Amino acid sequence: MNSRYFILCLTIIYSCTQESNNFDVAELKGKKPLDVEEILGKPDTTYNRGILGKQLFIMRYFNKRDAEFRFLRSSNQLESITINKPFDLEFSPEVVEEYGLNYVPTQDYDTSSYFRWKDLDGFSNVNIYKVGMKKPDGVKTYFHIYFDFN
């Protein structure tokens, strides 16, 4: 009987100390790579993306948050964020509140596949969309969230 209480206490303590993988995307608007690093920590991977040999973007990937951050090479400012696996969240338009945005009814949606806003809290585009990949066990819906700053 005492071991059950001990395990329950450990579980509660562990749950309370877990850091959320969600973050306030509005706080990151206009930030440079080092500014984002101060807020979220060091990225696990950094690489360049280009077209026809011209480097256009710096991509930074945070494994813990399973998020991609794309910085424009010309201004070195954050252009967009893609959250690849928000598995702890439900596929619904209200999910934007988990990332610090104010929920307003979507301007464009198909509840079976996507929700999209234009000009939401200063973002030119916010999309929540399902992806056709095999989802892990226990996950109801596999979707991505895309925040466009420009």
C-alpha atoms as a PDB file:
ATOM      1  CA  MET A   1       0.000   0.000   0.000  1.00  0.00           C
ATOM      2  CA  ASN A   2       2.790   2.442   0.898  1.00  0.00           C
ATOM      3  CA  SER A   3       4.608   1.698  -2.360  1.00  0.00           C
ATOM      4  CA  ARG A   4       1.508   2.789  -4.310  1.00  0.00           C
ATOM      5  CA  TYR A   5       1.494   6.152  -2.556  1.00  0.00           C
ATOM      6  CA  PHE A   6       5.213   6.510  -3.125  1.00  0.00           C
ATOM      7  CA  ILE A   7       4.820   5.812  -6.867  1.00  0.00           C
ATOM      8  CA  LEU A   8       1.849   8.195  -7.036  1.00  0.00           C
ATOM      9  CA  CYS A   9       3.891  10.944  -5.334  1.00  0.00           C
ATOM     10  CA  LEU A  10       6.821  10.415  -7.703  1.00  0.00           C
ATOM     11  CA  THR A  11       4.485  10.562 -10.694  1.00  0.00           C
ATOM     12  CA  ILE A  12       2.932  13.823  -9.498  1.00  0.00           C
ATOM     13  CA  ILE A  13       6.328  15.383  -8.793  1.00  0.00           C
ATOM     14  CA  TYR A  14       7.641  14.287 -12.199  1.00  0.00           C
ATOM     15  CA  SER A  15       4.548  15.675 -13.959  1.00  0.00           C
ATOM     16  CA  CYS A  16       4.833  19.018 -12.192  1.00  0.00           C
ATOM     17  CA  THR A  17       8.499  19.444 -13.029  1.00  0.00           C
ATOM     18  CA  GLN A  18       8.171  18.708 -16.747  1.00  0.00           C
ATOM     19  CA  GLU A  19       8.787  21.774 -18.873  1.00  0.00           C
ATOM     20  CA  SER A  20       6.215  22.466 -21.553  1.00  0.00           C
ATOM     21  CA  ASN A  21       7.384  22.189 -25.147  1.00  0.00           C
ATOM     22  CA  ASN A  22       5.100  25.072 -26.074  1.00  0.00           C
ATOM     23  CA  PHE A  23       6.356  28.650 -26.209  1.00  0.00           C
ATOM     24  CA  ASP A  24       5.090  32.135 -26.990  1.00  0.00           C
ATOM     25  CA  VAL A  25       5.663  32.577 -30.733  1.00  0.00           C
ATOM     26  CA  ALA A  26       4.820  36.306 -30.638  1.00  0.00           C
ATOM     27  CA  GLU A  27       7.769  36.827 -28.284  1.00  0.00           C
ATOM     28  CA  LEU A  28      10.073  35.546 -31.034  1.00  0.00           C
ATOM     29  CA  LYS A  29       8.885  37.885 -33.797  1.00  0.00           C
ATOM     30  CA  GLY A  30      11.766  39.755 -35.436  1.00  0.00           C
ATOM     31  CA  LYS A  31      14.375  37.946 -33.355  1.00  0.00           C
ATOM     32  CA  LYS A  32      17.780  36.941 -34.625  1.00  0.00           C
ATOM     33  CA  PRO A  33      19.188  33.411 -34.112  1.00  0.00           C
ATOM     34  CA  LEU A  34      21.118  34.318 -30.948  1.00  0.00           C
ATOM     35  CA  ASP A  35      18.043  36.039 -29.467  1.00  0.00           C
ATOM     36  CA  VAL A  36      15.959  32.884 -30.021  1.00  0.00           C
ATOM     37  CA  GLU A  37      18.784  30.829 -28.526  1.00  0.00           C
ATOM     38  CA  GLU A  38      18.656  32.936 -25.344  1.00  0.00           C
ATOM     39  CA  ILE A  39      14.929  32.233 -25.007  1.00  0.00           C
ATOM     40  CA  LEU A  40      14.728  28.559 -26.084  1.00  0.00           C
ATOM     41  CA  GLY A  41      18.270  27.304 -25.629  1.00  0.00           C
ATOM     42  CA  LYS A  42      20.741  26.027 -28.214  1.00  0.00           C
ATOM     43  CA  PRO A  43      19.290  24.336 -31.302  1.00  0.00           C
ATOM     44  CA  ASP A  44      20.236  20.723 -31.944  1.00  0.00           C
ATOM     45  CA  THR A  45      20.890  21.316 -35.650  1.00  0.00           C
ATOM     46  CA  THR A  46      21.665  24.364 -37.795  1.00  0.00           C
ATOM     47  CA  TYR A  47      21.970  24.288 -41.583  1.00  0.00           C
ATOM     48  CA  ASN A  48      21.575  26.524 -44.632  1.00  0.00           C
ATOM     49  CA  ARG A  49      18.896  26.279 -47.303  1.00  0.00           C
ATOM     50  CA  GLY A  50      19.217  27.737 -50.756  1.00  0.00           C
ATOM     51  CA  ILE A  51      18.034  27.685 -54.311  1.00  0.00           C
ATOM     52  CA  LEU A  52      20.418  27.298 -57.245  1.00  0.00           C
ATOM     53  CA  GLY A  53      23.436  27.730 -55.001  1.00  0.00           C
ATOM     54  CA  LYS A  54      22.242  30.967 -53.396  1.00  0.00           C
ATOM     55  CA  GLN A  55      21.812  30.696 -49.630  1.00  0.00           C
ATOM     56  CA  LEU A  56      18.415  32.079 -48.668  1.00  0.00           C
ATOM     57  CA  PHE A  57      17.646  30.711 -45.216  1.00  0.00           C
ATOM     58  CA  ILE A  58      19.284  29.554 -42.033  1.00  0.00           C
ATOM     59  CA  MET A  59      17.324  26.656 -40.580  1.00  0.00           C
ATOM     60  CA  ARG A  60      17.575  25.805 -36.893  1.00  0.00           C
ATOM     61  CA  TYR A  61      15.994  22.676 -35.470  1.00  0.00           C
ATOM     62  CA  PHE A  62      15.109  22.090 -31.822  1.00  0.00           C
ATOM     63  CA  ASN A  63      14.614  18.348 -31.161  1.00  0.00           C
ATOM     64  CA  LYS A  64      12.985  18.860 -27.777  1.00  0.00           C
ATOM     65  CA  ARG A  65      10.251  21.018 -29.264  1.00  0.00           C
ATOM     66  CA  ASP A  66      10.365  19.248 -32.634  1.00  0.00           C
ATOM     67  CA  ALA A  67      10.281  22.654 -34.262  1.00  0.00           C
ATOM     68  CA  GLU A  68      11.970  24.243 -37.263  1.00  0.00           C
ATOM     69  CA  PHE A  69      12.924  27.914 -37.190  1.00  0.00           C
ATOM     70  CA  ARG A  70      13.667  29.595 -40.512  1.00  0.00           C
ATOM     71  CA  PHE A  71      15.708  32.814 -40.546  1.00  0.00           C
ATOM     72  CA  LEU A  72      16.068  34.965 -43.656  1.00  0.00           C
ATOM     73  CA  ARG A  73      19.702  35.090 -44.713  1.00  0.00           C
ATOM     74  CA  SER A  74      19.377  38.735 -45.870  1.00  0.00           C
ATOM     75  CA  SER A  75      18.067  40.163 -42.578  1.00  0.00           C
ATOM     76  CA  ASN A  76      19.026  37.333 -40.205  1.00  0.00           C
ATOM     77  CA  GLN A  77      15.534  37.629 -38.670  1.00  0.00           C
ATOM     78  CA  LEU A  78      13.077  34.859 -37.883  1.00  0.00           C
ATOM     79  CA  GLU A  79      10.727  34.353 -40.823  1.00  0.00           C
ATOM     80  CA  SER A  80       8.701  31.292 -39.849  1.00  0.00           C
ATOM     81  CA  ILE A  81       8.273  28.492 -37.342  1.00  0.00           C
ATOM     82  CA  THR A  82       6.925  25.015 -38.017  1.00  0.00           C
ATOM     83  CA  ILE A  83       5.909  22.825 -35.087  1.00  0.00           C
ATOM     84  CA  ASN A  84       6.150  19.274 -36.424  1.00  0.00           C
ATOM     85  CA  LYS A  85       4.718  17.126 -33.653  1.00  0.00           C
ATOM     86  CA  PRO A  86       2.396  18.913 -31.240  1.00  0.00           C
ATOM     87  CA  PHE A  87       1.189  15.492 -30.055  1.00  0.00           C
ATOM     88  CA  ASP A  88       0.102  16.617 -26.622  1.00  0.00           C
ATOM     89  CA  LEU A  89      -2.461  18.963 -28.228  1.00  0.00           C
ATOM     90  CA  GLU A  90      -5.810  18.367 -29.917  1.00  0.00           C
ATOM     91  CA  PHE A  91      -6.313  19.158 -33.602  1.00  0.00           C
ATOM     92  CA  SER A  92      -8.494  22.252 -33.175  1.00  0.00           C
ATOM     93  CA  PRO A  93      -8.272  25.981 -33.929  1.00  0.00           C
ATOM     94  CA  GLU A  94      -7.978  26.763 -30.204  1.00  0.00           C
ATOM     95  CA  VAL A  95      -4.470  25.230 -30.221  1.00  0.00           C
ATOM     96  CA  VAL A  96      -3.066  28.669 -31.175  1.00  0.00           C
ATOM     97  CA  GLU A  97      -3.633  29.740 -27.559  1.00  0.00           C
ATOM     98  CA  GLU A  98      -1.007  27.188 -26.457  1.00  0.00           C
ATOM     99  CA  TYR A  99       1.553  29.282 -28.346  1.00  0.00           C
ATOM    100  CA  GLY A 100       0.562  32.669 -26.910  1.00  0.00           C
ATOM    101  CA  LEU A 101      -1.848  33.849 -29.613  1.00  0.00           C
ATOM    102  CA  ASN A 102      -5.416  35.031 -29.079  1.00  0.00           C
ATOM    103  CA  TYR A 103      -8.000  32.656 -30.468  1.00  0.00           C
ATOM    104  CA  VAL A 104     -10.414  34.151 -32.992  1.00  0.00           C
ATOM    105  CA  PRO A 105     -12.648  32.151 -35.338  1.00  0.00           C
ATOM    106  CA  THR A 106     -10.726  30.914 -38.368  1.00  0.00           C
ATOM    107  CA  GLN A 107     -11.129  32.666 -41.677  1.00  0.00           C
ATOM    108  CA  ASP A 108     -10.552  29.560 -43.739  1.00  0.00           C
ATOM    109  CA  TYR A 109     -10.940  25.959 -42.639  1.00  0.00           C
ATOM    110  CA  ASP A 110     -11.886  22.403 -43.395  1.00  0.00           C
ATOM    111  CA  THR A 111     -12.295  20.695 -40.029  1.00  0.00           C
ATOM    112  CA  SER A 112     -11.145  17.415 -41.555  1.00  0.00           C
ATOM    113  CA  SER A 113      -7.783  18.786 -42.700  1.00  0.00           C
ATOM    114  CA  TYR A 114      -6.796  22.372 -41.773  1.00  0.00           C
ATOM    115  CA  PHE A 115      -7.435  25.706 -40.034  1.00  0.00           C
ATOM    116  CA  ARG A 116      -5.925  28.928 -41.393  1.00  0.00           C
ATOM    117  CA  TRP A 117      -5.772  32.572 -40.319  1.00  0.00           C
ATOM    118  CA  LYS A 118      -4.434  35.644 -42.114  1.00  0.00           C
ATOM    119  CA  ASP A 119      -3.129  38.507 -39.961  1.00  0.00           C
ATOM    120  CA  LEU A 120      -3.587  36.812 -36.607  1.00  0.00           C
ATOM    121  CA  ASP A 121      -1.868  38.767 -33.820  1.00  0.00           C
ATOM    122  CA  GLY A 122       0.614  40.253 -36.288  1.00  0.00           C
ATOM    123  CA  PHE A 123       1.366  37.002 -38.128  1.00  0.00           C
ATOM    124  CA  SER A 124       0.726  37.104 -41.853  1.00  0.00           C
ATOM    125  CA  ASN A 125      -0.289  33.454 -41.861  1.00  0.00           C
ATOM    126  CA  VAL A 126      -0.999  30.777 -39.252  1.00  0.00           C
ATOM    127  CA  ASN A 127      -1.873  27.238 -40.375  1.00  0.00           C
ATOM    128  CA  ILE A 128      -2.760  24.111 -38.462  1.00  0.00           C
ATOM    129  CA  TYR A 129      -2.838  21.219 -40.909  1.00  0.00           C
ATOM    130  CA  LYS A 130      -2.946  17.437 -40.894  1.00  0.00           C
ATOM    131  CA  VAL A 131      -0.127  15.520 -42.500  1.00  0.00           C
ATOM    132  CA  GLY A 132      -0.426  12.136 -44.123  1.00  0.00           C
ATOM    133  CA  MET A 133       2.280  10.405 -42.168  1.00  0.00           C
ATOM    134  CA  LYS A 134       1.932   7.334 -39.979  1.00  0.00           C
ATOM    135  CA  LYS A 135       1.179   8.539 -36.480  1.00  0.00           C
ATOM    136  CA  PRO A 136       2.687   6.953 -33.388  1.00  0.00           C
ATOM    137  CA  ASP A 137       0.529   4.826 -31.111  1.00  0.00           C
ATOM    138  CA  GLY A 138      -1.635   6.860 -28.762  1.00  0.00           C
ATOM    139  CA  VAL A 139      -1.708   9.933 -31.013  1.00  0.00           C
ATOM    140  CA  LYS A 140      -5.159  10.872 -32.304  1.00  0.00           C
ATOM    141  CA  THR A 141      -4.141  13.228 -35.095  1.00  0.00           C
ATOM    142  CA  TYR A 142      -0.813  13.913 -36.756  1.00  0.00           C
ATOM    143  CA  PHE A 143      -0.616  17.597 -37.630  1.00  0.00           C
ATOM    144  CA  HIS A 144       1.780  20.518 -37.971  1.00  0.00           C
ATOM    145  CA  ILE A 145       1.439  24.160 -36.955  1.00  0.00           C
ATOM    146  CA  TYR A 146       2.978  26.841 -39.146  1.00  0.00           C
ATOM    147  CA  PHE A 147       3.558  30.466 -38.089  1.00  0.00           C
ATOM    148  CA  ASP A 148       4.624  32.947 -40.797  1.00  0.00           C
ATOM    149  CA  PHE A 149       6.047  36.265 -39.575  1.00  0.00           C
ATOM    150  CA  ASN A 150       6.188  38.047 -42.961  1.00  0.00           C
END
